[in-house]
């Protein structure tokens, strides 16, 4: 079992574990999550920031989280799905506009060892 190097850090704002990730700018996301435990699993909403970002196909947020040390294989405690599982199982609804990009999110997660 891998041990997170983020233990002891404060948890990210709870409002980020939601549909807010669909529209937040990368700059605002990084400001709100700076110095927090990026592997924190929300008990109220389930999942980590990476699983939420992957579900919404936010490749920019996934890249930021992974670059800052988030665990590519963290799992949503409510469904036991990984970020790759969420990105794979969540269909594109209508026209997907940047920064949402399902194919790029899947490619990034796979390249970073997600399973």
Foldseek 3Di string as FASTA:
>chain_A
DDDAPQPPWAAFDPVLLDCVLLDDDLVVVCVRCPRGRQLDADPVRWDGSLLSCLLQQQQSNNVVSVVVPHDLARATVVVRHGSLRNLVPRDDDDDDDPPRDSVSNNVVSVVSPYD
